[in-house]
Amino acid sequence: MIHNLSIQNSIASQFIKELRDIHIQKDSLRFRRNLERIGEILAYEISKDMPYEPIEVETPLGIAKSTKCSKEIILGTILRAGLPMHTGMHNYFDKAENAFISAYRCHHKDGSFEIKLEYVSCPEIEDKILILCDPMLATGASMDIALKEIFKLGTPHQTYIATAIASQYGIDYISRIYPKAKIWTGAIDEELTAKSYIVPGLGDAGDLSFGSKIQR
């Protein structure tokens, strides 16, 4: 199931526009905050799809009927680019446990690259709700590796993938190998270059958030 925020006009479109704008991107604080905002919006939208159970809450004047999510939630992200989105989602799912995956593109001289995974930190995941966020879903290779490692630890009740911008290729790839996962994105771009960059995309979310890095 694919949920694309951009098919309907909302404030999310403004934040996506600012994330893409090369002039606004010069302000890394604003860039991080816009990723955080997208994370907050996606968290709210995803929450509508979760299972709930009835509860009662004692107020100063009586008892109020309410609901709460019937499953525990784990928020996961791929370091380092995913941290601002993760913060936004954690603002809403503030009682969630957290998972962190260190994965990166290792570039070769011929222009190709491979995804290397160095570290996974994850709590007990069996029968819980997993939300794995990353700002960009390009080829889907990083997301695939992250999910494979997490699924070695258990089987979630439901898996959600949250991203600010995705390529159609990445959407199709992840949907094919994880048909039960639900994908939520701020926008879908059709083009993926030979070097696996999303066009028009927004550039390198990690560099724009935290500064440039030495290529490994």
N, C-alpha and C. Protein backbone atom coordinates (compact mmCIF):
# COMPACT_ATOMS: atom_id res chain seq x y z
N MET A 1 0.85 -1.19 0.00
CA MET A 1 0.00 0.00 0.00
C MET A 1 0.88 1.24 0.00
N ILE A 2 0.65 2.12 -0.96
CA ILE A 2 1.45 3.34 -1.10
C ILE A 2 0.59 4.54 -0.73
N HIS A 3 1.11 5.40 0.16
CA HIS A 3 0.40 6.60 0.56
C HIS A 3 1.30 7.79 0.22
N ASN A 4 0.85 8.62 -0.69
CA ASN A 4 1.64 9.74 -1.20
C ASN A 4 0.97 11.05 -0.79
N LEU A 5 1.60 11.80 0.12
CA LEU A 5 1.00 13.04 0.62
C LEU A 5 0.80 14.07 -0.48
N SER A 6 1.62 14.02 -1.53
CA SER A 6 1.59 15.08 -2.54
C SER A 6 0.38 15.00 -3.47
N ILE A 7 -0.39 13.91 -3.40
CA ILE A 7 -1.55 13.83 -4.29
C ILE A 7 -2.69 14.72 -3.79
N GLN A 8 -2.54 15.25 -2.58
CA GLN A 8 -3.55 16.15 -2.03
C GLN A 8 -2.84 17.38 -1.49
N ASN A 9 -3.38 18.56 -1.78
CA ASN A 9 -2.78 19.80 -1.29
C ASN A 9 -2.85 19.86 0.23
N SER A 10 -1.70 20.17 0.85
CA SER A 10 -1.64 20.33 2.29
C SER A 10 -0.39 21.11 2.65
N ILE A 11 -0.21 21.42 3.93
CA ILE A 11 0.98 22.15 4.37
C ILE A 11 2.23 21.32 4.12
N ALA A 12 2.10 20.01 4.01
CA ALA A 12 3.25 19.16 3.72
C ALA A 12 3.91 19.56 2.40
N SER A 13 3.12 20.00 1.43
CA SER A 13 3.66 20.41 0.13
C SER A 13 4.61 21.59 0.27
N GLN A 14 4.30 22.51 1.20
CA GLN A 14 5.18 23.66 1.43
C GLN A 14 6.52 23.20 2.00
N PHE A 15 6.48 22.26 2.94
CA PHE A 15 7.72 21.79 3.55
C PHE A 15 8.56 21.01 2.55
N ILE A 16 7.92 20.22 1.69
CA ILE A 16 8.65 19.51 0.63
C ILE A 16 9.28 20.51 -0.34
N LYS A 17 8.51 21.54 -0.70
CA LYS A 17 9.03 22.58 -1.61
C LYS A 17 10.28 23.23 -1.02
N GLU A 18 10.24 23.56 0.28
CA GLU A 18 11.39 24.19 0.91
C GLU A 18 12.57 23.24 1.00
N LEU A 19 12.32 21.96 1.22
CA LEU A 19 13.40 20.98 1.24
C LEU A 19 14.13 20.91 -0.09
N ARG A 20 13.39 21.10 -1.18
CA ARG A 20 13.98 21.01 -2.53
C ARG A 20 14.69 22.30 -2.94
N ASP A 21 14.31 23.45 -2.41
CA ASP A 21 14.76 24.76 -2.86
C ASP A 21 16.25 24.97 -2.53
N ILE A 22 17.08 25.16 -3.57
CA ILE A 22 18.52 25.28 -3.36
C ILE A 22 18.90 26.51 -2.54
N HIS A 23 18.05 27.51 -2.51
CA HIS A 23 18.34 28.72 -1.73
C HIS A 23 18.00 28.50 -0.25
N ILE A 24 16.86 27.90 0.02
CA ILE A 24 16.47 27.63 1.40
C ILE A 24 17.36 26.54 1.99
N GLN A 25 17.87 25.64 1.15
CA GLN A 25 18.74 24.57 1.63
C GLN A 25 20.02 25.08 2.28
N LYS A 26 20.39 26.31 1.99
CA LYS A 26 21.62 26.87 2.58
C LYS A 26 21.50 27.02 4.09
N ASP A 27 20.29 27.06 4.59
CA ASP A 27 20.04 27.15 6.02
C ASP A 27 19.82 25.72 6.55
N SER A 28 20.88 25.11 7.08
CA SER A 28 20.79 23.72 7.50
C SER A 28 19.81 23.54 8.67
N LEU A 29 19.68 24.56 9.51
CA LEU A 29 18.72 24.46 10.61
C LEU A 29 17.30 24.35 10.08
N ARG A 30 16.98 25.17 9.08
CA ARG A 30 15.64 25.10 8.49
C ARG A 30 15.44 23.79 7.74
N PHE A 31 16.49 23.31 7.08
CA PHE A 31 16.37 22.04 6.36
C PHE A 31 16.05 20.92 7.34
N ARG A 32 16.78 20.87 8.46
CA ARG A 32 16.51 19.83 9.45
C ARG A 32 15.11 19.97 10.03
N ARG A 33 14.69 21.21 10.27
CA ARG A 33 13.36 21.41 10.85
C ARG A 33 12.27 20.98 9.87
N ASN A 34 12.47 21.22 8.57
CA ASN A 34 11.48 20.79 7.59
C ASN A 34 11.40 19.27 7.49
N LEU A 35 12.54 18.59 7.59
CA LEU A 35 12.50 17.13 7.64
C LEU A 35 11.77 16.66 8.90
N GLU A 36 12.01 17.37 10.00
CA GLU A 36 11.32 17.04 11.25
C GLU A 36 9.82 17.22 11.09
N ARG A 37 9.42 18.30 10.43
CA ARG A 37 7.99 18.55 10.20
C ARG A 37 7.36 17.45 9.35
N ILE A 38 8.06 17.02 8.30
CA ILE A 38 7.55 15.92 7.48
C ILE A 38 7.41 14.66 8.32
N GLY A 39 8.38 14.43 9.21
CA GLY A 39 8.28 13.29 10.11
C GLY A 39 7.05 13.38 11.00
N GLU A 40 6.75 14.57 11.50
CA GLU A 40 5.57 14.76 12.35
C GLU A 40 4.28 14.49 11.58
N ILE A 41 4.22 15.03 10.36
CA ILE A 41 3.02 14.84 9.55
C ILE A 41 2.83 13.37 9.20
N LEU A 42 3.90 12.69 8.81
CA LEU A 42 3.80 11.27 8.47
C LEU A 42 3.42 10.45 9.70
N ALA A 43 3.94 10.82 10.86
CA ALA A 43 3.58 10.10 12.08
C ALA A 43 2.08 10.21 12.34
N TYR A 44 1.54 11.40 12.18
CA TYR A 44 0.11 11.60 12.39
C TYR A 44 -0.71 10.79 11.39
N GLU A 45 -0.30 10.81 10.13
CA GLU A 45 -1.05 10.08 9.10
C GLU A 45 -0.96 8.56 9.33
N ILE A 46 0.23 8.08 9.67
CA ILE A 46 0.40 6.65 9.92
C ILE A 46 -0.43 6.22 11.12
N SER A 47 -0.54 7.10 12.12
CA SER A 47 -1.29 6.74 13.34
C SER A 47 -2.74 6.39 13.05
N LYS A 48 -3.30 6.92 11.97
CA LYS A 48 -4.69 6.63 11.62
C LYS A 48 -4.88 5.19 11.18
N ASP A 49 -3.80 4.54 10.79
CA ASP A 49 -3.88 3.19 10.24
C ASP A 49 -3.59 2.12 11.29
N MET A 50 -3.23 2.53 12.49
CA MET A 50 -2.82 1.58 13.52
C MET A 50 -4.02 0.98 14.25
N PRO A 51 -3.82 -0.18 14.89
CA PRO A 51 -4.89 -0.78 15.69
C PRO A 51 -5.04 -0.07 17.03
N TYR A 52 -6.28 0.09 17.46
CA TYR A 52 -6.56 0.79 18.73
C TYR A 52 -7.47 -0.06 19.60
N GLU A 53 -7.42 0.23 20.90
CA GLU A 53 -8.30 -0.42 21.86
C GLU A 53 -8.88 0.65 22.79
N PRO A 54 -10.10 0.42 23.30
CA PRO A 54 -10.74 1.43 24.16
C PRO A 54 -10.11 1.47 25.55
N ILE A 55 -10.05 2.66 26.12
CA ILE A 55 -9.59 2.84 27.50
C ILE A 55 -10.46 3.89 28.16
N GLU A 56 -10.36 3.98 29.47
CA GLU A 56 -11.04 5.02 30.24
C GLU A 56 -10.01 5.85 30.97
N VAL A 57 -10.24 7.16 31.01
CA VAL A 57 -9.32 8.09 31.65
C VAL A 57 -10.05 8.84 32.75
N GLU A 58 -9.43 8.88 33.91
CA GLU A 58 -10.03 9.61 35.03
C GLU A 58 -9.69 11.09 34.92
N THR A 59 -10.70 11.94 34.89
CA THR A 59 -10.52 13.39 34.87
C THR A 59 -10.89 13.94 36.26
N PRO A 60 -10.65 15.23 36.50
CA PRO A 60 -11.06 15.80 37.80
C PRO A 60 -12.56 15.72 38.04
N LEU A 61 -13.34 15.54 36.96
CA LEU A 61 -14.80 15.57 37.10
C LEU A 61 -15.49 14.25 36.73
N GLY A 62 -14.72 13.24 36.38
CA GLY A 62 -15.38 11.98 36.02
C GLY A 62 -14.48 11.08 35.20
N ILE A 63 -15.13 10.23 34.41
CA ILE A 63 -14.42 9.26 33.57
C ILE A 63 -14.70 9.56 32.10
N ALA A 64 -13.63 9.65 31.31
CA ALA A 64 -13.76 9.90 29.87
C ALA A 64 -13.34 8.65 29.10
N LYS A 65 -14.11 8.33 28.09
CA LYS A 65 -13.75 7.20 27.21
C LYS A 65 -12.74 7.68 26.17
N SER A 66 -11.75 6.86 25.90
CA SER A 66 -10.73 7.21 24.92
C SER A 66 -10.22 5.94 24.26
N THR A 67 -9.15 6.05 23.50
CA THR A 67 -8.52 4.89 22.87
C THR A 67 -7.01 5.03 22.96
N LYS A 68 -6.32 3.92 22.78
CA LYS A 68 -4.86 3.94 22.68
C LYS A 68 -4.43 2.86 21.70
N CYS A 69 -3.26 3.03 21.13
CA CYS A 69 -2.73 2.03 20.21
C CYS A 69 -2.56 0.71 20.97
N SER A 70 -3.04 -0.36 20.39
CA SER A 70 -3.02 -1.65 21.07
C SER A 70 -1.70 -2.41 20.89
N LYS A 71 -0.78 -1.84 20.13
CA LYS A 71 0.53 -2.46 19.92
C LYS A 71 1.63 -1.49 20.31
N GLU A 72 2.74 -2.03 20.80
CA GLU A 72 3.90 -1.19 21.08
C GLU A 72 4.54 -0.78 19.75
N ILE A 73 5.19 0.40 19.76
CA ILE A 73 5.74 0.98 18.54
C ILE A 73 7.26 1.07 18.65
N ILE A 74 7.92 0.73 17.55
CA ILE A 74 9.37 0.92 17.44
C ILE A 74 9.63 1.87 16.27
N LEU A 75 10.34 2.95 16.55
CA LEU A 75 10.75 3.88 15.50
C LEU A 75 12.19 3.59 15.11
N GLY A 76 12.40 3.30 13.85
CA GLY A 76 13.75 3.02 13.37
C GLY A 76 14.18 4.04 12.34
N THR A 77 15.48 4.26 12.25
CA THR A 77 15.98 5.14 11.20
C THR A 77 17.37 4.71 10.77
N ILE A 78 17.74 5.14 9.56
CA ILE A 78 19.06 4.85 9.00
C ILE A 78 19.93 6.08 9.21
N LEU A 79 21.04 5.90 9.93
CA LEU A 79 21.95 7.02 10.22
C LEU A 79 22.71 7.43 8.96
N ARG A 80 23.04 8.71 8.79
CA ARG A 80 22.77 9.80 9.69
C ARG A 80 21.60 10.66 9.21
N ALA A 81 21.30 10.51 7.92
CA ALA A 81 20.32 11.38 7.27
C ALA A 81 18.93 11.27 7.88
N GLY A 82 18.62 10.10 8.46
CA GLY A 82 17.28 9.89 8.98
C GLY A 82 17.00 10.53 10.32
N LEU A 83 18.02 11.08 10.98
CA LEU A 83 17.83 11.59 12.34
C LEU A 83 16.79 12.70 12.47
N PRO A 84 16.75 13.71 11.59
CA PRO A 84 15.72 14.75 11.74
C PRO A 84 14.30 14.21 11.58
N MET A 85 14.07 13.35 10.61
CA MET A 85 12.74 12.75 10.44
C MET A 85 12.38 11.90 11.65
N HIS A 86 13.36 11.17 12.14
CA HIS A 86 13.14 10.33 13.33
C HIS A 86 12.74 11.21 14.52
N THR A 87 13.39 12.34 14.68
CA THR A 87 13.04 13.26 15.76
C THR A 87 11.60 13.72 15.63
N GLY A 88 11.19 14.08 14.41
CA GLY A 88 9.81 14.52 14.19
C GLY A 88 8.81 13.43 14.54
N MET A 89 9.08 12.21 14.13
CA MET A 89 8.16 11.12 14.44
C MET A 89 8.16 10.81 15.94
N HIS A 90 9.33 10.95 16.57
CA HIS A 90 9.43 10.70 18.00
C HIS A 90 8.70 11.78 18.81
N ASN A 91 8.56 12.98 18.26
CA ASN A 91 7.78 14.02 18.91
C ASN A 91 6.34 13.57 19.11
N TYR A 92 5.83 12.77 18.18
CA TYR A 92 4.44 12.30 18.24
C TYR A 92 4.34 10.94 18.92
N PHE A 93 5.19 10.00 18.51
CA PHE A 93 5.20 8.69 19.15
C PHE A 93 6.24 8.72 20.28
N ASP A 94 5.95 9.52 21.29
CA ASP A 94 6.95 9.81 22.31
C ASP A 94 7.21 8.66 23.27
N LYS A 95 6.36 7.65 23.26
CA LYS A 95 6.57 6.48 24.11
C LYS A 95 7.19 5.32 23.34
N ALA A 96 7.52 5.53 22.09
CA ALA A 96 8.05 4.46 21.25
C ALA A 96 9.47 4.09 21.66
N GLU A 97 9.80 2.81 21.47
CA GLU A 97 11.20 2.38 21.55
C GLU A 97 11.86 2.72 20.20
N ASN A 98 13.18 2.60 20.16
CA ASN A 98 13.90 3.10 18.98
C ASN A 98 14.93 2.12 18.47
N ALA A 99 15.08 2.12 17.15
CA ALA A 99 16.10 1.29 16.48
C ALA A 99 16.94 2.19 15.59
N PHE A 100 18.24 1.91 15.52
CA PHE A 100 19.15 2.70 14.70
C PHE A 100 20.01 1.77 13.86
N ILE A 101 20.12 2.12 12.57
CA ILE A 101 20.88 1.31 11.63
C ILE A 101 21.94 2.19 10.97
N SER A 102 23.18 1.76 11.03
CA SER A 102 24.27 2.48 10.37
C SER A 102 24.54 1.81 9.02
N ALA A 103 24.11 2.45 7.95
CA ALA A 103 24.33 1.93 6.60
C ALA A 103 24.70 3.10 5.69
N TYR A 104 25.58 2.87 4.75
CA TYR A 104 26.01 3.95 3.87
C TYR A 104 26.43 3.41 2.51
N ARG A 105 26.47 4.34 1.54
CA ARG A 105 26.96 3.99 0.21
C ARG A 105 28.48 4.04 0.19
N CYS A 106 29.10 2.95 -0.17
CA CYS A 106 30.55 2.92 -0.35
C CYS A 106 30.82 3.04 -1.86
N HIS A 107 31.35 4.20 -2.26
CA HIS A 107 31.53 4.49 -3.68
C HIS A 107 32.85 3.93 -4.21
N HIS A 108 32.82 3.45 -5.46
CA HIS A 108 34.00 2.93 -6.12
C HIS A 108 34.45 3.91 -7.21
N LYS A 109 35.68 3.74 -7.66
CA LYS A 109 36.25 4.67 -8.64
C LYS A 109 35.50 4.64 -9.97
N ASP A 110 34.88 3.51 -10.29
CA ASP A 110 34.17 3.41 -11.56
C ASP A 110 32.77 4.05 -11.50
N GLY A 111 32.44 4.67 -10.37
CA GLY A 111 31.14 5.33 -10.23
C GLY A 111 30.08 4.46 -9.59
N SER A 112 30.35 3.17 -9.45
CA SER A 112 29.38 2.28 -8.81
C SER A 112 29.50 2.40 -7.29
N PHE A 113 28.59 1.77 -6.58
CA PHE A 113 28.66 1.78 -5.12
C PHE A 113 27.99 0.52 -4.59
N GLU A 114 28.29 0.23 -3.34
CA GLU A 114 27.61 -0.84 -2.62
C GLU A 114 27.17 -0.30 -1.27
N ILE A 115 26.12 -0.90 -0.72
CA ILE A 115 25.63 -0.50 0.58
C ILE A 115 26.33 -1.32 1.65
N LYS A 116 26.97 -0.63 2.59
CA LYS A 116 27.64 -1.31 3.68
C LYS A 116 26.88 -1.03 4.98
N LEU A 117 26.70 -2.07 5.76
CA LEU A 117 26.01 -1.96 7.04
C LEU A 117 27.00 -2.28 8.15
N GLU A 118 27.10 -1.37 9.14
CA GLU A 118 28.09 -1.55 10.19
C GLU A 118 27.48 -1.80 11.56
N TYR A 119 26.23 -1.38 11.77
CA TYR A 119 25.72 -1.40 13.14
C TYR A 119 24.20 -1.41 13.14
N VAL A 120 23.62 -2.24 14.00
CA VAL A 120 22.17 -2.26 14.20
C VAL A 120 21.89 -2.31 15.70
N SER A 121 21.09 -1.38 16.17
CA SER A 121 20.65 -1.37 17.57
C SER A 121 19.13 -1.40 17.56
N CYS A 122 18.54 -2.46 18.11
CA CYS A 122 17.09 -2.62 18.02
C CYS A 122 16.56 -3.35 19.25
N PRO A 123 15.46 -2.88 19.82
CA PRO A 123 14.84 -3.59 20.94
C PRO A 123 14.06 -4.81 20.44
N GLU A 124 13.45 -5.53 21.36
CA GLU A 124 12.58 -6.65 21.00
C GLU A 124 11.49 -6.16 20.05
N ILE A 125 11.33 -6.86 18.93
CA ILE A 125 10.46 -6.36 17.87
C ILE A 125 9.25 -7.24 17.59
N GLU A 126 9.23 -8.44 18.12
CA GLU A 126 8.17 -9.40 17.81
C GLU A 126 6.79 -8.84 18.11
N ASP A 127 5.92 -8.87 17.10
CA ASP A 127 4.51 -8.48 17.19
C ASP A 127 4.31 -7.00 17.54
N LYS A 128 5.32 -6.19 17.34
CA LYS A 128 5.19 -4.75 17.56
C LYS A 128 5.01 -4.05 16.22
N ILE A 129 4.73 -2.76 16.25
CA ILE A 129 4.64 -1.96 15.04
C ILE A 129 6.00 -1.33 14.77
N LEU A 130 6.54 -1.57 13.59
CA LEU A 130 7.81 -1.00 13.18
C LEU A 130 7.57 0.13 12.18
N ILE A 131 8.12 1.29 12.47
CA ILE A 131 8.13 2.41 11.52
C ILE A 131 9.59 2.72 11.22
N LEU A 132 10.00 2.50 9.99
CA LEU A 132 11.39 2.75 9.58
C LEU A 132 11.41 3.95 8.65
N CYS A 133 12.13 5.00 9.06
CA CYS A 133 12.13 6.23 8.27
C CYS A 133 13.51 6.54 7.72
N ASP A 134 13.52 7.14 6.54
CA ASP A 134 14.73 7.61 5.86
C ASP A 134 14.27 8.69 4.89
N PRO A 135 14.95 9.85 4.83
CA PRO A 135 14.44 10.94 3.99
C PRO A 135 14.27 10.58 2.52
N MET A 136 15.20 9.77 1.98
CA MET A 136 15.18 9.46 0.56
C MET A 136 15.10 7.95 0.33
N LEU A 137 14.18 7.54 -0.52
CA LEU A 137 14.09 6.15 -0.96
C LEU A 137 14.44 6.16 -2.44
N ALA A 138 15.71 5.90 -2.75
CA ALA A 138 16.18 5.97 -4.14
C ALA A 138 16.08 4.61 -4.80
N THR A 139 17.12 3.78 -4.67
CA THR A 139 17.05 2.43 -5.24
C THR A 139 16.29 1.48 -4.31
N GLY A 140 16.25 1.82 -3.03
CA GLY A 140 15.64 0.93 -2.04
C GLY A 140 16.63 -0.03 -1.42
N ALA A 141 17.90 0.03 -1.84
CA ALA A 141 18.91 -0.93 -1.36
C ALA A 141 19.18 -0.76 0.14
N SER A 142 19.33 0.48 0.61
CA SER A 142 19.59 0.71 2.03
C SER A 142 18.41 0.26 2.88
N MET A 143 17.20 0.56 2.43
CA MET A 143 16.00 0.16 3.16
C MET A 143 15.90 -1.37 3.20
N ASP A 144 16.22 -2.02 2.11
CA ASP A 144 16.18 -3.48 2.03
C ASP A 144 17.14 -4.10 3.04
N ILE A 145 18.38 -3.61 3.07
CA ILE A 145 19.38 -4.15 3.99
C ILE A 145 18.96 -3.92 5.43
N ALA A 146 18.43 -2.71 5.72
CA ALA A 146 17.99 -2.39 7.08
C ALA A 146 16.87 -3.32 7.52
N LEU A 147 15.88 -3.54 6.66
CA LEU A 147 14.76 -4.40 7.01
C LEU A 147 15.21 -5.86 7.19
N LYS A 148 16.09 -6.32 6.33
CA LYS A 148 16.59 -7.69 6.46
C LYS A 148 17.25 -7.91 7.82
N GLU A 149 18.05 -6.94 8.26
CA GLU A 149 18.74 -7.07 9.54
C GLU A 149 17.76 -7.03 10.70
N ILE A 150 16.78 -6.14 10.63
CA ILE A 150 15.80 -6.03 11.71
C ILE A 150 14.94 -7.28 11.78
N PHE A 151 14.54 -7.80 10.62
CA PHE A 151 13.67 -8.97 10.61
C PHE A 151 14.37 -10.24 11.11
N LYS A 152 15.71 -10.21 11.18
CA LYS A 152 16.43 -11.32 11.79
C LYS A 152 16.13 -11.41 13.28
N LEU A 153 15.68 -10.30 13.86
CA LEU A 153 15.44 -10.21 15.30
C LEU A 153 14.00 -10.55 15.68
N GLY A 154 13.12 -10.64 14.70
CA GLY A 154 11.73 -10.94 14.99
C GLY A 154 10.82 -10.49 13.87
N THR A 155 9.53 -10.76 14.02
CA THR A 155 8.55 -10.40 13.00
C THR A 155 7.59 -9.35 13.56
N PRO A 156 7.60 -8.15 13.01
CA PRO A 156 6.68 -7.11 13.51
C PRO A 156 5.22 -7.45 13.18
N HIS A 157 4.31 -6.88 13.94
CA HIS A 157 2.89 -6.99 13.62
C HIS A 157 2.60 -6.27 12.31
N GLN A 158 3.19 -5.10 12.12
CA GLN A 158 3.03 -4.32 10.89
C GLN A 158 4.27 -3.48 10.67
N THR A 159 4.66 -3.32 9.42
CA THR A 159 5.82 -2.50 9.07
C THR A 159 5.38 -1.33 8.23
N TYR A 160 5.81 -0.13 8.65
CA TYR A 160 5.58 1.08 7.88
C TYR A 160 6.93 1.65 7.46
N ILE A 161 7.02 2.11 6.23
CA ILE A 161 8.21 2.78 5.72
C ILE A 161 7.84 4.22 5.44
N ALA A 162 8.60 5.15 6.04
CA ALA A 162 8.30 6.57 5.90
C ALA A 162 9.48 7.29 5.26
N THR A 163 9.20 8.09 4.24
CA THR A 163 10.26 8.80 3.54
C THR A 163 9.74 10.14 3.04
N ALA A 164 10.61 11.12 2.96
CA ALA A 164 10.20 12.45 2.48
C ALA A 164 9.99 12.42 0.97
N ILE A 165 10.97 11.87 0.25
CA ILE A 165 10.89 11.78 -1.21
C ILE A 165 11.34 10.39 -1.64
N ALA A 166 10.60 9.79 -2.55
CA ALA A 166 10.92 8.46 -3.05
C ALA A 166 10.96 8.48 -4.57
N SER A 167 11.78 7.61 -5.14
CA SER A 167 11.72 7.39 -6.58
C SER A 167 10.69 6.31 -6.85
N GLN A 168 10.12 6.34 -8.04
CA GLN A 168 9.17 5.29 -8.39
C GLN A 168 9.86 3.93 -8.41
N TYR A 169 11.12 3.92 -8.83
CA TYR A 169 11.89 2.68 -8.85
C TYR A 169 11.99 2.10 -7.44
N GLY A 170 12.36 2.95 -6.47
CA GLY A 170 12.49 2.50 -5.09
C GLY A 170 11.18 1.99 -4.52
N ILE A 171 10.09 2.70 -4.83
CA ILE A 171 8.76 2.28 -4.39
C ILE A 171 8.44 0.88 -4.93
N ASP A 172 8.67 0.70 -6.24
CA ASP A 172 8.35 -0.58 -6.88
C ASP A 172 9.22 -1.70 -6.31
N TYR A 173 10.49 -1.41 -6.07
CA TYR A 173 11.43 -2.42 -5.57
C TYR A 173 11.04 -2.89 -4.17
N ILE A 174 10.81 -1.96 -3.26
CA ILE A 174 10.45 -2.31 -1.89
C ILE A 174 9.08 -2.98 -1.84
N SER A 175 8.14 -2.49 -2.65
CA SER A 175 6.80 -3.09 -2.68
C SER A 175 6.85 -4.53 -3.16
N ARG A 176 7.77 -4.82 -4.07
CA ARG A 176 7.86 -6.17 -4.62
C ARG A 176 8.43 -7.15 -3.60
N ILE A 177 9.45 -6.75 -2.85
CA ILE A 177 10.09 -7.71 -1.94
C ILE A 177 9.49 -7.67 -0.54
N TYR A 178 8.75 -6.59 -0.22
CA TYR A 178 8.06 -6.51 1.07
C TYR A 178 6.60 -6.11 0.83
N PRO A 179 5.82 -7.01 0.24
CA PRO A 179 4.45 -6.64 -0.17
C PRO A 179 3.53 -6.29 1.00
N LYS A 180 3.86 -6.72 2.21
CA LYS A 180 3.00 -6.41 3.36
C LYS A 180 3.36 -5.08 4.02
N ALA A 181 4.50 -4.51 3.67
CA ALA A 181 4.89 -3.22 4.23
C ALA A 181 4.06 -2.10 3.61
N LYS A 182 3.75 -1.10 4.41
CA LYS A 182 3.00 0.06 3.93
C LYS A 182 3.96 1.25 3.82
N ILE A 183 3.99 1.86 2.64
CA ILE A 183 4.94 2.93 2.36
C ILE A 183 4.22 4.28 2.40
N TRP A 184 4.78 5.21 3.16
CA TRP A 184 4.26 6.57 3.26
C TRP A 184 5.35 7.54 2.82
N THR A 185 5.03 8.43 1.89
CA THR A 185 6.03 9.35 1.38
C THR A 185 5.44 10.74 1.15
N GLY A 186 6.31 11.73 1.22
CA GLY A 186 5.87 13.10 0.96
C GLY A 186 5.68 13.38 -0.52
N ALA A 187 6.48 12.71 -1.37
CA ALA A 187 6.39 12.91 -2.82
C ALA A 187 7.09 11.77 -3.53
N ILE A 188 6.67 11.50 -4.76
CA ILE A 188 7.29 10.46 -5.59
C ILE A 188 7.82 11.11 -6.86
N ASP A 189 9.12 10.92 -7.13
CA ASP A 189 9.74 11.41 -8.36
C ASP A 189 9.98 10.25 -9.30
N GLU A 190 9.78 10.48 -10.57
CA GLU A 190 9.85 9.39 -11.55
C GLU A 190 11.28 8.99 -11.91
N GLU A 191 12.20 9.97 -11.96
CA GLU A 191 13.52 9.69 -12.54
C GLU A 191 14.54 9.28 -11.50
N LEU A 192 15.36 8.29 -11.86
CA LEU A 192 16.52 7.86 -11.07
C LEU A 192 17.70 7.81 -12.03
N THR A 193 18.77 8.55 -11.72
CA THR A 193 19.91 8.62 -12.63
C THR A 193 20.71 7.33 -12.62
N ALA A 194 21.69 7.26 -13.54
CA ALA A 194 22.56 6.09 -13.62
C ALA A 194 23.37 5.91 -12.33
N LYS A 195 23.59 7.00 -11.60
CA LYS A 195 24.31 6.94 -10.32
C LYS A 195 23.36 6.81 -9.14
N SER A 196 22.09 6.54 -9.45
CA SER A 196 21.06 6.27 -8.43
C SER A 196 20.72 7.49 -7.58
N TYR A 197 20.67 8.66 -8.21
CA TYR A 197 20.18 9.86 -7.55
C TYR A 197 18.77 10.17 -8.04
N ILE A 198 17.91 10.58 -7.13
CA ILE A 198 16.53 10.91 -7.48
C ILE A 198 16.50 12.29 -8.14
N VAL A 199 15.76 12.39 -9.25
CA VAL A 199 15.60 13.65 -9.98
C VAL A 199 14.11 13.99 -10.09
N PRO A 200 13.68 15.20 -9.69
CA PRO A 200 14.50 16.32 -9.23
C PRO A 200 15.02 16.16 -7.81
N GLY A 201 14.40 15.34 -6.98
CA GLY A 201 14.94 15.05 -5.66
C GLY A 201 15.19 16.29 -4.84
N LEU A 202 16.26 16.24 -4.03
CA LEU A 202 16.65 17.42 -3.25
C LEU A 202 18.14 17.46 -2.97
N GLY A 203 18.89 16.45 -3.42
CA GLY A 203 20.32 16.40 -3.12
C GLY A 203 20.59 15.39 -2.02
N ASP A 204 21.69 15.58 -1.31
CA ASP A 204 22.10 14.68 -0.24
C ASP A 204 21.54 15.17 1.08
N ALA A 205 20.52 14.48 1.60
CA ALA A 205 19.84 14.93 2.81
C ALA A 205 20.77 14.95 4.01
N GLY A 206 21.69 13.99 4.07
CA GLY A 206 22.63 13.96 5.19
C GLY A 206 23.56 15.15 5.18
N ASP A 207 24.13 15.47 4.01
CA ASP A 207 25.03 16.62 3.91
C ASP A 207 24.29 17.93 4.18
N LEU A 208 23.07 18.04 3.66
CA LEU A 208 22.32 19.28 3.86
C LEU A 208 21.90 19.46 5.31
N SER A 209 21.75 18.38 6.02
CA SER A 209 21.37 18.46 7.43
C SER A 209 22.58 18.70 8.35
N PHE A 210 23.70 18.01 8.04
CA PHE A 210 24.80 17.98 9.01
C PHE A 210 26.15 18.39 8.46
N GLY A 211 26.23 18.75 7.18
CA GLY A 211 27.50 19.15 6.59
C GLY A 211 28.08 18.04 5.75
N SER A 212 29.02 18.43 4.87
CA SER A 212 29.59 17.46 3.92
C SER A 212 30.47 16.46 4.66
N LYS A 213 30.73 15.33 3.99
CA LYS A 213 31.51 14.24 4.57
C LYS A 213 32.54 13.77 3.55
N ILE A 214 33.55 13.09 4.04
CA ILE A 214 34.53 12.44 3.17
C ILE A 214 33.91 11.16 2.63
N GLN A 215 33.95 10.98 1.32
CA GLN A 215 33.38 9.78 0.72
C GLN A 215 34.19 8.57 1.10
N ARG A 216 33.48 7.48 1.42
CA ARG A 216 34.17 6.24 1.81
C ARG A 216 34.04 5.22 0.69
